[in-house]
Each structure stands twice: as structure tokens, then as C-alpha cells.
Amino acid sequence: MIKEWLAKNTPTDCDGMNNTTLKRSVNGEILGRRQTIKSTKRKARKLQSLQREAAVSRKLMGKEIDNLYKSGYTFYEITDIINDLANCAR
């Protein structure tokens, strides 16, 4: 009796799978498990590459700040330069 009630009241798609377990692509078609794993891996690789780029940027920024400090700029002048760069990036 419980199985019948669940079968009647659980939203399912045409292949009989529960909608909560289905992943959909941008166009709305149902993705299988393999495509879902591929898209997840693709997103993870993209995130890792962005994190690597950010780490390289931070490292270069640190070197540039060191160069400015060695050139005789004060802490406040360097802070103003960083704020100006941040405002330009927006």
C-alpha cells in the first residue's frame, strides 16, 4: 500500500526516475549519470584553473609591492596604488 501511494504521489519523468535525482542541462533535457559527472568534472577543472591564476596573480602582486617598497614608496602610497588598481578592475 505504501509503495502504491509513493508511486502515485512521487513526481517522475517519462523514464520512471524520481525528479529529485535527475540533473537537467541548460536546454532542459535530462542528463544521464555520465554527463552529470562529466559536467561536474569540467566545472571542477575550471575552478582549479581560476584558483591557480589567482595564486599567480597574488604572487606577482606581492613581488610588485616589494619592488615598490624597495623603491622608496611608503606604506600609504602603496595602499593608494592598490586601491586605485582595485577601482579600475571594477
Protein backbone atom coordinates (compact mmCIF):
# COMPACT_ATOMS: atom_id res chain seq x y z
CA MET A 1 0.00 0.00 0.00
CA ILE A 2 2.83 2.42 0.84
CA LYS A 3 4.61 1.56 -2.42
CA GLU A 4 1.46 2.29 -4.41
CA TRP A 5 0.96 5.63 -2.65
CA LEU A 6 4.62 6.59 -3.27
CA ALA A 7 4.36 5.55 -6.90
CA LYS A 8 1.24 7.66 -7.33
CA ASN A 9 2.45 10.74 -5.41
CA THR A 10 6.15 10.88 -6.33
CA PRO A 11 6.86 13.12 -9.32
CA THR A 12 8.52 11.04 -12.01
CA ASP A 13 9.73 11.65 -15.51
CA CYS A 14 8.95 9.52 -18.54
CA ASP A 15 11.77 7.08 -17.72
CA GLY A 16 10.36 6.50 -14.22
CA MET A 17 13.20 8.09 -12.27
CA ASN A 18 12.44 10.41 -9.39
CA ASN A 19 12.77 14.06 -10.46
CA THR A 20 14.89 14.94 -7.44
CA THR A 21 17.68 12.68 -8.69
CA LEU A 22 17.67 13.99 -12.25
CA LYS A 23 20.08 16.61 -13.49
CA ARG A 24 18.98 18.77 -16.36
CA SER A 25 21.08 20.56 -18.92
CA VAL A 26 20.63 24.20 -19.86
CA ASN A 27 18.12 23.23 -22.54
CA GLY A 28 16.07 21.20 -20.06
CA GLU A 29 16.77 17.69 -21.31
CA ILE A 30 17.60 15.10 -18.73
CA LEU A 31 21.26 14.26 -18.35
CA GLY A 32 22.36 10.75 -17.55
CA ARG A 33 24.76 9.99 -14.75
CA ARG A 34 27.74 10.03 -17.13
CA GLN A 35 27.01 13.54 -18.48
CA THR A 36 26.41 14.82 -14.95
CA ILE A 37 29.80 13.51 -13.80
CA LYS A 38 31.48 15.00 -16.88
CA SER A 39 29.93 18.42 -16.31
CA THR A 40 30.89 18.31 -12.63
CA LYS A 41 34.48 17.41 -13.50
CA ARG A 42 34.57 20.18 -16.11
CA LYS A 43 33.39 22.72 -13.52
CA ALA A 44 35.99 21.46 -11.03
CA ARG A 45 38.81 21.81 -13.59
CA LYS A 46 37.67 25.33 -14.45
CA LEU A 47 37.59 26.28 -10.76
CA GLN A 48 41.08 24.84 -10.24
CA SER A 49 42.47 26.82 -13.16
CA LEU A 50 40.89 30.01 -11.81
CA GLN A 51 42.39 29.31 -8.39
CA ARG A 52 45.83 28.79 -9.97
CA GLU A 53 45.51 32.07 -11.87
CA ALA A 54 44.52 33.86 -8.66
CA ALA A 55 47.52 32.37 -6.83
CA VAL A 56 49.88 33.50 -9.59
CA SER A 57 48.30 36.97 -9.54
CA ARG A 58 48.74 37.21 -5.76
CA LYS A 59 52.36 36.12 -6.06
CA LEU A 60 53.08 38.69 -8.78
CA MET A 61 51.24 41.36 -6.80
CA GLY A 62 53.39 40.57 -3.77
CA LYS A 63 56.56 40.93 -5.85
CA GLU A 64 55.36 44.25 -7.26
CA ILE A 65 54.55 45.53 -3.77
CA ASP A 66 58.03 44.51 -2.61
CA ASN A 67 59.54 46.37 -5.58
CA LEU A 68 57.54 49.50 -4.76
CA TYR A 69 58.61 49.31 -1.12
CA LYS A 70 62.25 48.89 -2.11
CA SER A 71 61.90 51.87 -4.48
CA GLY A 72 61.07 54.10 -1.52
CA TYR A 73 57.29 54.25 -1.58
CA THR A 74 55.63 54.46 1.81
CA PHE A 75 53.00 52.04 3.06
CA TYR A 76 50.24 54.62 2.50
CA GLU A 77 51.34 55.33 -1.08
CA ILE A 78 51.37 51.61 -1.86
CA THR A 79 47.90 51.25 -0.31
CA ASP A 80 46.63 54.12 -2.50
CA ILE A 81 48.07 52.43 -5.60
CA ILE A 82 46.40 49.12 -4.70
CA ASN A 83 43.06 50.87 -4.13
CA ASP A 84 43.35 52.66 -7.47
CA LEU A 85 44.04 49.36 -9.22
CA ALA A 86 41.09 47.72 -7.46
CA ASN A 87 38.80 50.58 -8.55
CA CYS A 88 39.98 50.23 -12.15
CA ALA A 89 39.23 46.48 -12.11
CA ARG A 90 35.56 47.09 -11.24
